Amino acid sequence: MTGANANLIDRAFRAYVAADGSAAEQPTLSACSVESICGRRYVALRNHHRMLAVYRIRRCSGCLRRLRVWPIDLMGREPERPTIKLNPTGEGAYV
Protein backbone atom coordinates (compact mmCIF):
# COMPACT_ATOMS: atom_id res chain seq x y z
CA MET A 1 0.00 0.00 0.00
CA THR A 2 1.42 3.36 -0.96
CA GLY A 3 1.65 6.29 1.41
CA ALA A 4 -1.04 8.18 -0.52
CA ASN A 5 -3.45 5.24 -0.29
CA ALA A 6 -2.70 4.80 3.41
CA ASN A 7 -3.44 8.49 3.94
CA LEU A 8 -6.79 8.18 2.10
CA ILE A 9 -7.78 5.11 4.12
CA ASP A 10 -6.82 6.89 7.35
CA ARG A 11 -8.92 9.93 6.40
CA ALA A 12 -11.89 7.72 5.50
CA PHE A 13 -11.54 5.83 8.79
CA ARG A 14 -11.58 9.09 10.76
CA ALA A 15 -14.67 10.29 8.88
CA TYR A 16 -16.37 6.93 9.48
CA VAL A 17 -15.72 7.08 13.24
CA ALA A 18 -16.81 10.73 13.41
CA ALA A 19 -20.11 9.91 11.64
CA ASP A 20 -20.95 6.58 13.27
CA GLY A 21 -19.26 6.90 16.64
CA SER A 22 -16.68 4.70 18.30
CA ALA A 23 -19.27 1.98 18.97
CA ALA A 24 -19.58 1.24 15.24
CA GLU A 25 -17.98 -1.85 13.70
CA GLN A 26 -14.27 -1.28 13.20
CA PRO A 27 -12.67 -1.64 9.76
CA THR A 28 -9.75 -4.03 9.31
CA LEU A 29 -6.80 -2.26 7.72
CA SER A 30 -5.80 -5.26 5.59
CA ALA A 31 -9.33 -5.46 4.11
CA CYS A 32 -9.65 -1.73 3.28
CA SER A 33 -8.63 -0.53 -0.16
CA VAL A 34 -8.51 2.33 -2.65
CA GLU A 35 -10.23 1.29 -5.88
CA SER A 36 -10.59 2.89 -9.31
CA ILE A 37 -13.79 2.21 -11.27
CA CYS A 38 -14.67 3.95 -14.56
CA GLY A 39 -12.22 6.76 -13.89
CA ARG A 40 -13.51 7.45 -10.38
CA ARG A 41 -11.61 6.58 -7.22
CA TYR A 42 -13.15 5.18 -4.05
CA VAL A 43 -12.03 4.21 -0.56
CA ALA A 44 -13.74 1.02 0.61
CA LEU A 45 -13.76 0.39 4.36
CA ARG A 46 -14.30 -3.27 5.21
CA ASN A 47 -13.81 -5.68 8.04
CA HIS A 48 -13.53 -9.43 7.62
CA HIS A 49 -17.31 -9.83 7.62
CA ARG A 50 -18.67 -7.13 5.34
CA MET A 51 -18.35 -3.75 3.65
CA LEU A 52 -18.82 -0.93 6.16
CA ALA A 53 -18.62 2.29 4.12
CA VAL A 54 -17.53 3.64 0.75
CA TYR A 55 -16.13 7.12 0.17
CA ARG A 56 -15.68 8.74 -3.24
CA ILE A 57 -12.51 10.74 -3.73
CA ARG A 58 -13.24 14.01 -5.51
CA ARG A 59 -10.84 14.71 -8.39
CA CYS A 60 -10.36 18.44 -8.01
CA SER A 61 -10.06 18.75 -4.23
CA GLY A 62 -9.29 15.24 -3.00
CA CYS A 63 -12.16 15.53 -0.51
CA LEU A 64 -13.95 12.38 0.58
CA ARG A 65 -17.70 12.01 0.22
CA ARG A 66 -19.52 9.12 1.87
CA LEU A 67 -21.83 7.28 -0.50
CA ARG A 68 -25.25 5.97 0.46
CA VAL A 69 -25.38 3.69 -2.57
CA TRP A 70 -22.20 1.79 -3.33
CA PRO A 71 -20.93 0.94 -6.82
CA ILE A 72 -21.85 -2.63 -7.71
CA ASP A 73 -18.26 -3.33 -8.81
CA LEU A 74 -17.06 -2.77 -5.25
CA MET A 75 -19.63 -5.18 -3.85
CA GLY A 76 -18.08 -8.08 -5.74
CA ARG A 77 -14.66 -7.37 -4.25
CA GLU A 78 -15.51 -8.10 -0.64
CA PRO A 79 -13.16 -10.43 1.21
CA GLU A 80 -14.22 -14.04 1.07
CA ARG A 81 -15.94 -15.48 4.09
CA PRO A 82 -14.86 -18.87 5.34
CA THR A 83 -17.24 -21.65 4.40
CA ILE A 84 -18.12 -24.57 6.61
CA LYS A 85 -18.02 -28.06 5.16
CA LEU A 86 -19.15 -31.04 7.17
CA ASN A 87 -16.79 -33.94 7.59
CA PRO A 88 -18.15 -37.50 7.26
CA THR A 89 -18.26 -37.56 11.06
CA GLY A 90 -20.63 -34.57 11.04
CA GLU A 91 -18.13 -32.13 12.52
CA GLY A 92 -17.76 -28.72 10.87
CA ALA A 93 -14.42 -27.53 9.52
CA TYR A 94 -13.47 -24.18 8.03
CA VAL A 95 -12.13 -24.32 4.52
PDB file of N, CA and C in Angstrom:
ATOM      1  N   MET A   1       0.850  -1.176   0.000  1.00  0.00           N
ATOM      2  CA  MET A   1       0.000   0.000   0.000  1.00  0.00           C
ATOM      3  C   MET A   1       0.893   1.236   0.000  1.00  0.00           C
ATOM      4  N   THR A   2       0.608   2.160  -0.894  1.00  0.00           N
ATOM      5  CA  THR A   2       1.418   3.363  -0.964  1.00  0.00           C
ATOM      6  C   THR A   2       1.046   4.323   0.154  1.00  0.00           C
ATOM      7  N   GLY A   3       1.907   5.296   0.370  1.00  0.00           N
ATOM      8  CA  GLY A   3       1.649   6.286   1.408  1.00  0.00           C
ATOM      9  C   GLY A   3       0.397   7.099   1.127  1.00  0.00           C
ATOM     10  N   ALA A   4       0.154   7.411  -0.164  1.00  0.00           N
ATOM     11  CA  ALA A   4      -1.040   8.177  -0.524  1.00  0.00           C
ATOM     12  C   ALA A   4      -2.305   7.377  -0.240  1.00  0.00           C
ATOM     13  N   ASN A   5      -2.288   6.079  -0.569  1.00  0.00           N
ATOM     14  CA  ASN A   5      -3.447   5.235  -0.289  1.00  0.00           C
ATOM     15  C   ASN A   5      -3.661   5.075   1.210  1.00  0.00           C
ATOM     16  N   ALA A   6      -2.585   4.917   1.963  1.00  0.00           N
ATOM     17  CA  ALA A   6      -2.701   4.795   3.413  1.00  0.00           C
ATOM     18  C   ALA A   6      -3.290   6.069   4.011  1.00  0.00           C
ATOM     19  N   ASN A   7      -2.908   7.219   3.467  1.00  0.00           N
ATOM     20  CA  ASN A   7      -3.444   8.487   3.937  1.00  0.00           C
ATOM     21  C   ASN A   7      -4.945   8.577   3.652  1.00  0.00           C
ATOM     22  N   LEU A   8      -5.374   8.155   2.451  1.00  0.00           N
ATOM     23  CA  LEU A   8      -6.794   8.183   2.103  1.00  0.00           C
ATOM     24  C   LEU A   8      -7.602   7.245   2.988  1.00  0.00           C
ATOM     25  N   ILE A   9      -7.076   6.060   3.252  1.00  0.00           N
ATOM     26  CA  ILE A   9      -7.776   5.106   4.120  1.00  0.00           C
ATOM     27  C   ILE A   9      -7.871   5.657   5.534  1.00  0.00           C
ATOM     28  N   ASP A  10      -6.807   6.285   6.008  1.00  0.00           N
ATOM     29  CA  ASP A  10      -6.818   6.890   7.346  1.00  0.00           C
ATOM     30  C   ASP A  10      -7.858   8.002   7.433  1.00  0.00           C
ATOM     31  N   ARG A  11      -7.924   8.851   6.407  1.00  0.00           N
ATOM     32  CA  ARG A  11      -8.917   9.930   6.397  1.00  0.00           C
ATOM     33  C   ARG A  11     -10.338   9.380   6.366  1.00  0.00           C
ATOM     34  N   ALA A  12     -10.561   8.334   5.570  1.00  0.00           N
ATOM     35  CA  ALA A  12     -11.885   7.718   5.498  1.00  0.00           C
ATOM     36  C   ALA A  12     -12.257   7.078   6.833  1.00  0.00           C
ATOM     37  N   PHE A  13     -11.285   6.440   7.481  1.00  0.00           N
ATOM     38  CA  PHE A  13     -11.543   5.827   8.787  1.00  0.00           C
ATOM     39  C   PHE A  13     -11.945   6.887   9.812  1.00  0.00           C
ATOM     40  N   ARG A  14     -11.240   8.015   9.820  1.00  0.00           N
ATOM     41  CA  ARG A  14     -11.583   9.094  10.760  1.00  0.00           C
ATOM     42  C   ARG A  14     -12.975   9.650  10.495  1.00  0.00           C
ATOM     43  N   ALA A  15     -13.331   9.813   9.222  1.00  0.00           N
ATOM     44  CA  ALA A  15     -14.668  10.295   8.876  1.00  0.00           C
ATOM     45  C   ALA A  15     -15.730   9.281   9.285  1.00  0.00           C
ATOM     46  N   TYR A  16     -15.441   8.001   9.105  1.00  0.00           N
ATOM     47  CA  TYR A  16     -16.372   6.932   9.479  1.00  0.00           C
ATOM     48  C   TYR A  16     -16.625   6.939  10.980  1.00  0.00           C
ATOM     49  N   VAL A  17     -15.573   7.059  11.780  1.00  0.00           N
ATOM     50  CA  VAL A  17     -15.722   7.075  13.240  1.00  0.00           C
ATOM     51  C   VAL A  17     -16.449   8.338  13.683  1.00  0.00           C
ATOM     52  N   ALA A  18     -16.154   9.477  13.052  1.00  0.00           N
ATOM     53  CA  ALA A  18     -16.814  10.727  13.407  1.00  0.00           C
ATOM     54  C   ALA A  18     -18.314  10.658  13.123  1.00  0.00           C
ATOM     55  N   ALA A  19     -18.701   9.998  12.021  1.00  0.00           N
ATOM     56  CA  ALA A  19     -20.110   9.914  11.643  1.00  0.00           C
ATOM     57  C   ALA A  19     -20.869   8.855  12.443  1.00  0.00           C
ATOM     58  N   ASP A  20     -20.247   7.702  12.652  1.00  0.00           N
ATOM     59  CA  ASP A  20     -20.950   6.577  13.270  1.00  0.00           C
ATOM     60  C   ASP A  20     -20.624   6.378  14.739  1.00  0.00           C
ATOM     61  N   GLY A  21     -19.627   7.051  15.242  1.00  0.00           N
ATOM     62  CA  GLY A  21     -19.257   6.901  16.645  1.00  0.00           C
ATOM     63  C   GLY A  21     -18.303   5.744  16.861  1.00  0.00           C
ATOM     64  N   SER A  22     -17.683   5.722  18.006  1.00  0.00           N
ATOM     65  CA  SER A  22     -16.680   4.703  18.297  1.00  0.00           C
ATOM     66  C   SER A  22     -17.295   3.330  18.551  1.00  0.00           C
ATOM     67  N   ALA A  23     -18.612   3.264  18.737  1.00  0.00           N
ATOM     68  CA  ALA A  23     -19.272   1.978  18.974  1.00  0.00           C
ATOM     69  C   ALA A  23     -19.571   1.235  17.675  1.00  0.00           C
ATOM     70  N   ALA A  24     -19.325   1.873  16.534  1.00  0.00           N
ATOM     71  CA  ALA A  24     -19.580   1.236  15.240  1.00  0.00           C
ATOM     72  C   ALA A  24     -18.573   0.117  14.996  1.00  0.00           C
ATOM     73  N   GLU A  25     -18.912  -0.781  14.061  1.00  0.00           N
ATOM     74  CA  GLU A  25     -17.976  -1.850  13.699  1.00  0.00           C
ATOM     75  C   GLU A  25     -16.681  -1.231  13.199  1.00  0.00           C
ATOM     76  N   GLN A  26     -15.571  -1.816  13.576  1.00  0.00           N
ATOM     77  CA  GLN A  26     -14.274  -1.279  13.202  1.00  0.00           C
ATOM     78  C   GLN A  26     -13.763  -1.912  11.911  1.00  0.00           C
ATOM     79  N   PRO A  27     -13.265  -1.097  10.980  1.00  0.00           N
ATOM     80  CA  PRO A  27     -12.673  -1.643   9.756  1.00  0.00           C
ATOM     81  C   PRO A  27     -11.356  -2.355  10.052  1.00  0.00           C
ATOM     82  N   THR A  28     -11.032  -3.328   9.230  1.00  0.00           N
ATOM     83  CA  THR A  28      -9.755  -4.025   9.308  1.00  0.00           C
ATOM     84  C   THR A  28      -8.850  -3.441   8.238  1.00  0.00           C
ATOM     85  N   LEU A  29      -7.687  -2.964   8.643  1.00  0.00           N
ATOM     86  CA  LEU A  29      -6.797  -2.262   7.717  1.00  0.00           C
ATOM     87  C   LEU A  29      -6.438  -3.123   6.510  1.00  0.00           C
ATOM     88  N   SER A  30      -6.196  -4.399   6.709  1.00  0.00           N
ATOM     89  CA  SER A  30      -5.799  -5.262   5.593  1.00  0.00           C
ATOM     90  C   SER A  30      -6.941  -5.490   4.600  1.00  0.00           C
ATOM     91  N   ALA A  31      -8.188  -5.261   5.004  1.00  0.00           N
ATOM     92  CA  ALA A  31      -9.331  -5.461   4.113  1.00  0.00           C
ATOM     93  C   ALA A  31      -9.762  -4.174   3.424  1.00  0.00           C
ATOM     94  N   CYS A  32      -9.299  -3.019   3.881  1.00  0.00           N
ATOM     95  CA  CYS A  32      -9.649  -1.733   3.280  1.00  0.00           C
ATOM     96  C   CYS A  32      -8.812  -1.514   2.028  1.00  0.00           C
ATOM     97  N   SER A  33      -9.371  -0.746   1.083  1.00  0.00           N
ATOM     98  CA  SER A  33      -8.629  -0.531  -0.158  1.00  0.00           C
ATOM     99  C   SER A  33      -9.051   0.761  -0.836  1.00  0.00           C
ATOM    100  N   VAL A  34      -8.203   1.219  -1.752  1.00  0.00           N
ATOM    101  CA  VAL A  34      -8.512   2.332  -2.649  1.00  0.00           C
ATOM    102  C   VAL A  34      -8.699   1.721  -4.026  1.00  0.00           C
ATOM    103  N   GLU A  35      -9.878   1.917  -4.612  1.00  0.00           N
ATOM    104  CA  GLU A  35     -10.235   1.289  -5.882  1.00  0.00           C
ATOM    105  C   GLU A  35     -10.502   2.353  -6.937  1.00  0.00           C
ATOM    106  N   SER A  36     -10.281   2.016  -8.186  1.00  0.00           N
ATOM    107  CA  SER A  36     -10.588   2.886  -9.309  1.00  0.00           C
ATOM    108  C   SER A  36     -11.573   2.168 -10.218  1.00  0.00           C
ATOM    109  N   ILE A  37     -12.741   2.794 -10.445  1.00  0.00           N
ATOM    110  CA  ILE A  37     -13.788   2.207 -11.273  1.00  0.00           C
ATOM    111  C   ILE A  37     -14.297   3.287 -12.223  1.00  0.00           C
ATOM    112  N   CYS A  38     -14.199   3.035 -13.516  1.00  0.00           N
ATOM    113  CA  CYS A  38     -14.672   3.952 -14.560  1.00  0.00           C
ATOM    114  C   CYS A  38     -14.120   5.360 -14.376  1.00  0.00           C
ATOM    115  N   GLY A  39     -12.853   5.469 -14.032  1.00  0.00           N
ATOM    116  CA  GLY A  39     -12.219   6.762 -13.893  1.00  0.00           C
ATOM    117  C   GLY A  39     -12.478   7.470 -12.577  1.00  0.00           C
ATOM    118  N   ARG A  40     -13.235   6.867 -11.698  1.00  0.00           N
ATOM    119  CA  ARG A  40     -13.510   7.450 -10.381  1.00  0.00           C
ATOM    120  C   ARG A  40     -12.817   6.616  -9.319  1.00  0.00           C
ATOM    121  N   ARG A  41     -12.340   7.291  -8.281  1.00  0.00           N
ATOM    122  CA  ARG A  41     -11.614   6.583  -7.216  1.00  0.00           C
ATOM    123  C   ARG A  41     -12.453   6.541  -5.947  1.00  0.00           C
ATOM    124  N   TYR A  42     -12.363   5.411  -5.255  1.00  0.00           N
ATOM    125  CA  TYR A  42     -13.145   5.177  -4.049  1.00  0.00           C
ATOM    126  C   TYR A  42     -12.263   4.590  -2.954  1.00  0.00           C
ATOM    127  N   VAL A  43     -12.644   4.876  -1.709  1.00  0.00           N
ATOM    128  CA  VAL A  43     -12.032   4.215  -0.564  1.00  0.00           C
ATOM    129  C   VAL A  43     -13.102   3.296   0.003  1.00  0.00           C
ATOM    130  N   ALA A  44     -12.804   2.012   0.075  1.00  0.00           N
ATOM    131  CA  ALA A  44     -13.738   1.024   0.610  1.00  0.00           C
ATOM    132  C   ALA A  44     -13.254   0.587   1.986  1.00  0.00           C
ATOM    133  N   LEU A  45     -14.079   0.828   3.005  1.00  0.00           N
ATOM    134  CA  LEU A  45     -13.758   0.390   4.361  1.00  0.00           C
ATOM    135  C   LEU A  45     -14.494  -0.915   4.627  1.00  0.00           C
ATOM    136  N   ARG A  46     -13.732  -1.939   4.963  1.00  0.00           N
ATOM    137  CA  ARG A  46     -14.296  -3.267   5.206  1.00  0.00           C
ATOM    138  C   ARG A  46     -13.714  -3.835   6.491  1.00  0.00           C
ATOM    139  N   ASN A  47     -14.423  -4.800   7.043  1.00  0.00           N
ATOM    140  CA  ASN A  47     -13.812  -5.676   8.036  1.00  0.00           C
ATOM    141  C   ASN A  47     -13.878  -7.079   7.439  1.00  0.00           C
ATOM    142  N   HIS A  48     -13.570  -8.085   8.197  1.00  0.00           N
ATOM    143  CA  HIS A  48     -13.532  -9.430   7.621  1.00  0.00           C
ATOM    144  C   HIS A  48     -14.917 -10.000   7.343  1.00  0.00           C
ATOM    145  N   HIS A  49     -15.951  -9.308   7.800  1.00  0.00           N
ATOM    146  CA  HIS A  49     -17.307  -9.830   7.624  1.00  0.00           C
ATOM    147  C   HIS A  49     -18.081  -9.155   6.499  1.00  0.00           C
ATOM    148  N   ARG A  50     -17.862  -7.836   6.325  1.00  0.00           N
ATOM    149  CA  ARG A  50     -18.666  -7.128   5.338  1.00  0.00           C
ATOM    150  C   ARG A  50     -18.087  -5.760   5.010  1.00  0.00           C
ATOM    151  N   MET A  51     -18.684  -5.119   4.010  1.00  0.00           N
ATOM    152  CA  MET A  51     -18.347  -3.749   3.646  1.00  0.00           C
ATOM    153  C   MET A  51     -19.019  -2.822   4.655  1.00  0.00           C
ATOM    154  N   LEU A  52     -18.277  -1.842   5.163  1.00  0.00           N
ATOM    155  CA  LEU A  52     -18.818  -0.928   6.163  1.00  0.00           C
ATOM    156  C   LEU A  52     -19.201   0.429   5.576  1.00  0.00           C
ATOM    157  N   ALA A  53     -18.353   0.978   4.708  1.00  0.00           N
ATOM    158  CA  ALA A  53     -18.624   2.289   4.119  1.00  0.00           C
ATOM    159  C   ALA A  53     -17.778   2.455   2.863  1.00  0.00           C
ATOM    160  N   VAL A  54     -18.273   3.309   1.969  1.00  0.00           N
ATOM    161  CA  VAL A  54     -17.532   3.643   0.753  1.00  0.00           C
ATOM    162  C   VAL A  54     -17.507   5.160   0.635  1.00  0.00           C
ATOM    163  N   TYR A  55     -16.322   5.685   0.359  1.00  0.00           N
ATOM    164  CA  TYR A  55     -16.134   7.121   0.170  1.00  0.00           C
ATOM    165  C   TYR A  55     -15.611   7.359  -1.239  1.00  0.00           C
ATOM    166  N   ARG A  56     -16.181   8.356  -1.920  1.00  0.00           N
ATOM    167  CA  ARG A  56     -15.683   8.743  -3.236  1.00  0.00           C
ATOM    168  C   ARG A  56     -14.649   9.835  -3.047  1.00  0.00           C
ATOM    169  N   ILE A  57     -13.565   9.740  -3.791  1.00  0.00           N
ATOM    170  CA  ILE A  57     -12.509  10.740  -3.729  1.00  0.00           C
ATOM    171  C   ILE A  57     -12.769  11.744  -4.847  1.00  0.00           C
ATOM    172  N   ARG A  58     -12.986  12.989  -4.503  1.00  0.00           N
ATOM    173  CA  ARG A  58     -13.236  14.015  -5.512  1.00  0.00           C
ATOM    174  C   ARG A  58     -11.946  14.355  -6.243  1.00  0.00           C
ATOM    175  N   ARG A  59     -12.033  14.469  -7.568  1.00  0.00           N
ATOM    176  CA  ARG A  59     -10.843  14.710  -8.390  1.00  0.00           C
ATOM    177  C   ARG A  59     -10.183  16.045  -8.089  1.00  0.00           C
ATOM    178  N   CYS A  60     -10.952  17.104  -8.094  1.00  0.00           N
ATOM    179  CA  CYS A  60     -10.355  18.439  -8.006  1.00  0.00           C
ATOM    180  C   CYS A  60      -9.795  18.741  -6.624  1.00  0.00           C
ATOM    181  N   SER A  61     -10.491  18.358  -5.574  1.00  0.00           N
ATOM    182  CA  SER A  61     -10.065  18.749  -4.232  1.00  0.00           C
ATOM    183  C   SER A  61      -9.479  17.607  -3.410  1.00  0.00           C
ATOM    184  N   GLY A  62      -9.754  16.370  -3.790  1.00  0.00           N
ATOM    185  CA  GLY A  62      -9.291  15.237  -2.998  1.00  0.00           C
ATOM    186  C   GLY A  62     -10.136  14.988  -1.771  1.00  0.00           C
ATOM    187  N   CYS A  63     -11.254  15.720  -1.650  1.00  0.00           N
ATOM    188  CA  CYS A  63     -12.156  15.534  -0.507  1.00  0.00           C
ATOM    189  C   CYS A  63     -12.848  14.170  -0.606  1.00  0.00           C
ATOM    190  N   LEU A  64     -13.239  13.654   0.538  1.00  0.00           N
ATOM    191  CA  LEU A  64     -13.953  12.384   0.584  1.00  0.00           C
ATOM    192  C   LEU A  64     -15.433  12.647   0.792  1.00  0.00           C
ATOM    193  N   ARG A  65     -16.261  11.905   0.080  1.00  0.00           N
ATOM    194  CA  ARG A  65     -17.704  12.012   0.220  1.00  0.00           C
ATOM    195  C   ARG A  65     -18.262  10.618   0.449  1.00  0.00           C
ATOM    196  N   ARG A  66     -18.951  10.434   1.569  1.00  0.00           N
ATOM    197  CA  ARG A  66     -19.518   9.118   1.867  1.00  0.00           C
ATOM    198  C   ARG A  66     -20.715   8.858   0.963  1.00  0.00           C
ATOM    199  N   LEU A  67     -20.751   7.660   0.407  1.00  0.00           N
ATOM    200  CA  LEU A  67     -21.832   7.281  -0.500  1.00  0.00           C
ATOM    201  C   LEU A  67     -22.891   6.482   0.235  1.00  0.00           C
ATOM    202  N   ARG A  68     -24.141   6.757  -0.097  1.00  0.00           N
ATOM    203  CA  ARG A  68     -25.246   5.970   0.464  1.00  0.00           C
ATOM    204  C   ARG A  68     -25.459   4.698  -0.347  1.00  0.00           C
ATOM    205  N   VAL A  69     -25.250   4.829  -1.669  1.00  0.00           N
ATOM    206  CA  VAL A  69     -25.381   3.687  -2.570  1.00  0.00           C
ATOM    207  C   VAL A  69     -23.997   3.390  -3.121  1.00  0.00           C
ATOM    208  N   TRP A  70     -23.554   2.166  -2.941  1.00  0.00           N
ATOM    209  CA  TRP A  70     -22.196   1.786  -3.327  1.00  0.00           C
ATOM    210  C   TRP A  70     -22.161   1.253  -4.745  1.00  0.00           C
ATOM    211  N   PRO A  71     -21.071   1.510  -5.473  1.00  0.00           N
ATOM    212  CA  PRO A  71     -20.928   0.943  -6.821  1.00  0.00           C
ATOM    213  C   PRO A  71     -20.956  -0.582  -6.767  1.00  0.00           C
ATOM    214  N   ILE A  72     -21.684  -1.172  -7.691  1.00  0.00           N
ATOM    215  CA  ILE A  72     -21.849  -2.625  -7.706  1.00  0.00           C
ATOM    216  C   ILE A  72     -20.521  -3.338  -7.891  1.00  0.00           C
ATOM    217  N   ASP A  73     -19.576  -2.717  -8.601  1.00  0.00           N
ATOM    218  CA  ASP A  73     -18.265  -3.334  -8.810  1.00  0.00           C
ATOM    219  C   ASP A  73     -17.502  -3.505  -7.505  1.00  0.00           C
ATOM    220  N   LEU A  74     -17.724  -2.623  -6.548  1.00  0.00           N
ATOM    221  CA  LEU A  74     -17.061  -2.770  -5.246  1.00  0.00           C
ATOM    222  C   LEU A  74     -17.681  -3.893  -4.425  1.00  0.00           C
ATOM    223  N   MET A  75     -18.951  -4.143  -4.636  1.00  0.00           N
ATOM    224  CA  MET A  75     -19.630  -5.175  -3.853  1.00  0.00           C
ATOM    225  C   MET A  75     -19.059  -6.553  -4.154  1.00  0.00           C
ATOM    226  N   GLY A  76     -18.637  -6.794  -5.371  1.00  0.00           N
ATOM    227  CA  GLY A  76     -18.084  -8.082  -5.740  1.00  0.00           C
ATOM    228  C   GLY A  76     -16.666  -8.298  -5.243  1.00  0.00           C
ATOM    229  N   ARG A  77     -16.048  -7.277  -4.686  1.00  0.00           N
ATOM    230  CA  ARG A  77     -14.658  -7.374  -4.249  1.00  0.00           C
ATOM    231  C   ARG A  77     -14.519  -7.537  -2.747  1.00  0.00           C
ATOM    232  N   GLU A  78     -15.597  -7.904  -2.085  1.00  0.00           N
ATOM    233  CA  GLU A  78     -15.513  -8.097  -0.640  1.00  0.00           C
ATOM    234  C   GLU A  78     -14.631  -9.294  -0.325  1.00  0.00           C
ATOM    235  N   PRO A  79     -13.967  -9.273   0.836  1.00  0.00           N
ATOM    236  CA  PRO A  79     -13.158 -10.430   1.209  1.00  0.00           C
ATOM    237  C   PRO A  79     -14.028 -11.676   1.348  1.00  0.00           C
ATOM    238  N   GLU A  80     -13.470 -12.796   0.986  1.00  0.00           N
ATOM    239  CA  GLU A  80     -14.223 -14.039   1.065  1.00  0.00           C
ATOM    240  C   GLU A  80     -14.454 -14.448   2.510  1.00  0.00           C
ATOM    241  N   ARG A  81     -15.634 -14.957   2.759  1.00  0.00           N
ATOM    242  CA  ARG A  81     -15.941 -15.477   4.088  1.00  0.00           C
ATOM    243  C   ARG A  81     -15.591 -16.954   4.123  1.00  0.00           C
ATOM    244  N   PRO A  82     -15.150 -17.438   5.272  1.00  0.00           N
ATOM    245  CA  PRO A  82     -14.864 -18.869   5.344  1.00  0.00           C
ATOM    246  C   PRO A  82     -16.148 -19.680   5.222  1.00  0.00           C
ATOM    247  N   THR A  83     -16.073 -20.788   4.529  1.00  0.00           N
ATOM    248  CA  THR A  83     -17.237 -21.655   4.397  1.00  0.00           C
ATOM    249  C   THR A  83     -17.054 -22.865   5.302  1.00  0.00           C
ATOM    250  N   ILE A  84     -18.164 -23.404   5.727  1.00  0.00           N
ATOM    251  CA  ILE A  84     -18.119 -24.572   6.608  1.00  0.00           C
ATOM    252  C   ILE A  84     -18.536 -25.793   5.800  1.00  0.00           C
ATOM    253  N   LYS A  85     -17.689 -26.789   5.799  1.00  0.00           N
ATOM    254  CA  LYS A  85     -18.023 -28.060   5.161  1.00  0.00           C
ATOM    255  C   LYS A  85     -18.057 -29.118   6.249  1.00  0.00           C
ATOM    256  N   LEU A  86     -19.027 -29.982   6.172  1.00  0.00           N
ATOM    257  CA  LEU A  86     -19.153 -31.036   7.171  1.00  0.00           C
ATOM    258  C   LEU A  86     -18.282 -32.232   6.795  1.00  0.00           C
ATOM    259  N   ASN A  87     -17.577 -32.720   7.763  1.00  0.00           N
ATOM    260  CA  ASN A  87     -16.789 -33.945   7.585  1.00  0.00           C
ATOM    261  C   ASN A  87     -17.750 -35.142   7.611  1.00  0.00           C
ATOM    262  N   PRO A  88     -17.290 -36.302   7.181  1.00  0.00           N
ATOM    263  CA  PRO A  88     -18.152 -37.498   7.258  1.00  0.00           C
ATOM    264  C   PRO A  88     -18.619 -37.794   8.675  1.00  0.00           C
ATOM    265  N   THR A  89     -17.861 -37.325   9.668  1.00  0.00           N
ATOM    266  CA  THR A  89     -18.264 -37.561  11.059  1.00  0.00           C
ATOM    267  C   THR A  89     -19.323 -36.580  11.518  1.00  0.00           C
ATOM    268  N   GLY A  90     -19.614 -35.552  10.692  1.00  0.00           N
ATOM    269  CA  GLY A  90     -20.627 -34.571  11.044  1.00  0.00           C
ATOM    270  C   GLY A  90     -20.063 -33.333  11.710  1.00  0.00           C
ATOM    271  N   GLU A  91     -18.760 -33.298  11.900  1.00  0.00           N
ATOM    272  CA  GLU A  91     -18.133 -32.133  12.517  1.00  0.00           C
ATOM    273  C   GLU A  91     -17.876 -31.078  11.454  1.00  0.00           C
ATOM    274  N   GLY A  92     -18.004 -29.806  11.813  1.00  0.00           N
ATOM    275  CA  GLY A  92     -17.757 -28.722  10.866  1.00  0.00           C
ATOM    276  C   GLY A  92     -16.272 -28.369  10.820  1.00  0.00           C
ATOM    277  N   ALA A  93     -15.809 -27.954   9.680  1.00  0.00           N
ATOM    278  CA  ALA A  93     -14.415 -27.535   9.524  1.00  0.00           C
ATOM    279  C   ALA A  93     -14.373 -26.349   8.565  1.00  0.00           C
ATOM    280  N   TYR A  94     -13.625 -25.330   8.919  1.00  0.00           N
ATOM    281  CA  TYR A  94     -13.474 -24.176   8.030  1.00  0.00           C
ATOM    282  C   TYR A  94     -12.549 -24.521   6.888  1.00  0.00           C
ATOM    283  N   VAL A  95     -12.936 -24.079   5.716  1.00  0.00           N
ATOM    284  CA  VAL A  95     -12.127 -24.324   4.520  1.00  0.00           C
ATOM    285  C   VAL A  95     -11.690 -23.002   3.942  1.00  0.00           C
TER     286      VAL A  95
END
